[in-house]
Amino acid sequence: MCTCPNCNSKVTRVHDYRIQRIKDIPLFFKHTFIILKKRIYRCNACGKNFMNI
């Protein structure tokens, strides 16, 4: 559960997920990536989409 930054109401509804690959330093001479799964919420009160970081 998180709070909408637009209207400050409590939000539990997940709208979407986004995958972001972040390039990291090489490890044992191999390419290394950090995979970050971002959760995007949709507010029931105001209808805005936002990401809780």
Protein backbone atom coordinates (compact mmCIF):
# COMPACT_ATOMS: atom_id res chain seq x y z
CA MET A 1 0.00 0.00 0.00
CA CYS A 2 1.32 3.46 -0.87
CA THR A 3 0.12 7.06 -1.04
CA CYS A 4 -0.79 8.93 -4.24
CA PRO A 5 1.51 11.96 -4.68
CA ASN A 6 -1.31 13.90 -6.38
CA CYS A 7 -4.23 13.55 -3.93
CA ASN A 8 -2.63 11.77 -0.90
CA SER A 9 -5.14 8.90 -0.89
CA LYS A 10 -4.13 5.29 -0.10
CA VAL A 11 -3.58 3.15 -3.21
CA THR A 12 -3.36 -0.64 -3.46
CA ARG A 13 -4.15 -1.17 -7.15
CA VAL A 14 -1.17 -2.08 -9.35
CA HIS A 15 -1.56 -0.81 -12.91
CA ASP A 16 1.55 -2.23 -14.59
CA TYR A 17 5.11 -3.46 -14.14
CA ARG A 18 8.15 -2.15 -16.03
CA ILE A 19 11.50 -3.87 -16.32
CA GLN A 20 14.61 -1.67 -16.39
CA ARG A 21 18.07 -3.08 -17.10
CA ILE A 22 20.92 -1.09 -15.56
CA LYS A 23 24.44 -1.78 -16.76
CA ASP A 24 26.87 -2.45 -13.92
CA ILE A 25 30.64 -2.88 -13.77
CA PRO A 26 32.02 -6.10 -15.32
CA LEU A 27 32.31 -9.07 -12.99
CA PHE A 28 34.91 -11.71 -13.91
CA PHE A 29 35.23 -10.07 -17.36
CA LYS A 30 31.53 -10.58 -18.14
CA HIS A 31 28.83 -7.99 -18.75
CA THR A 32 26.76 -7.43 -15.64
CA PHE A 33 23.24 -5.98 -15.47
CA ILE A 34 20.98 -5.12 -12.56
CA ILE A 35 17.36 -5.89 -13.40
CA LEU A 36 14.92 -3.57 -11.65
CA LYS A 37 11.21 -4.38 -11.67
CA LYS A 38 9.26 -1.14 -11.23
CA ARG A 39 5.66 -1.18 -10.02
CA ILE A 40 3.27 1.42 -11.45
CA TYR A 41 0.13 2.19 -9.43
CA ARG A 42 -3.18 3.70 -10.51
CA CYS A 43 -5.05 5.91 -8.04
CA ASN A 44 -8.76 5.13 -7.65
CA ALA A 45 -9.60 8.65 -6.44
CA CYS A 46 -7.93 10.87 -9.08
CA GLY A 47 -7.11 8.34 -11.85
CA LYS A 48 -3.41 9.24 -12.09
CA ASN A 49 -0.66 6.69 -12.71
CA PHE A 50 2.50 6.95 -10.63
CA MET A 51 5.56 4.96 -9.64
CA ASN A 52 6.51 4.34 -6.02
CA ILE A 53 10.31 4.23 -5.76
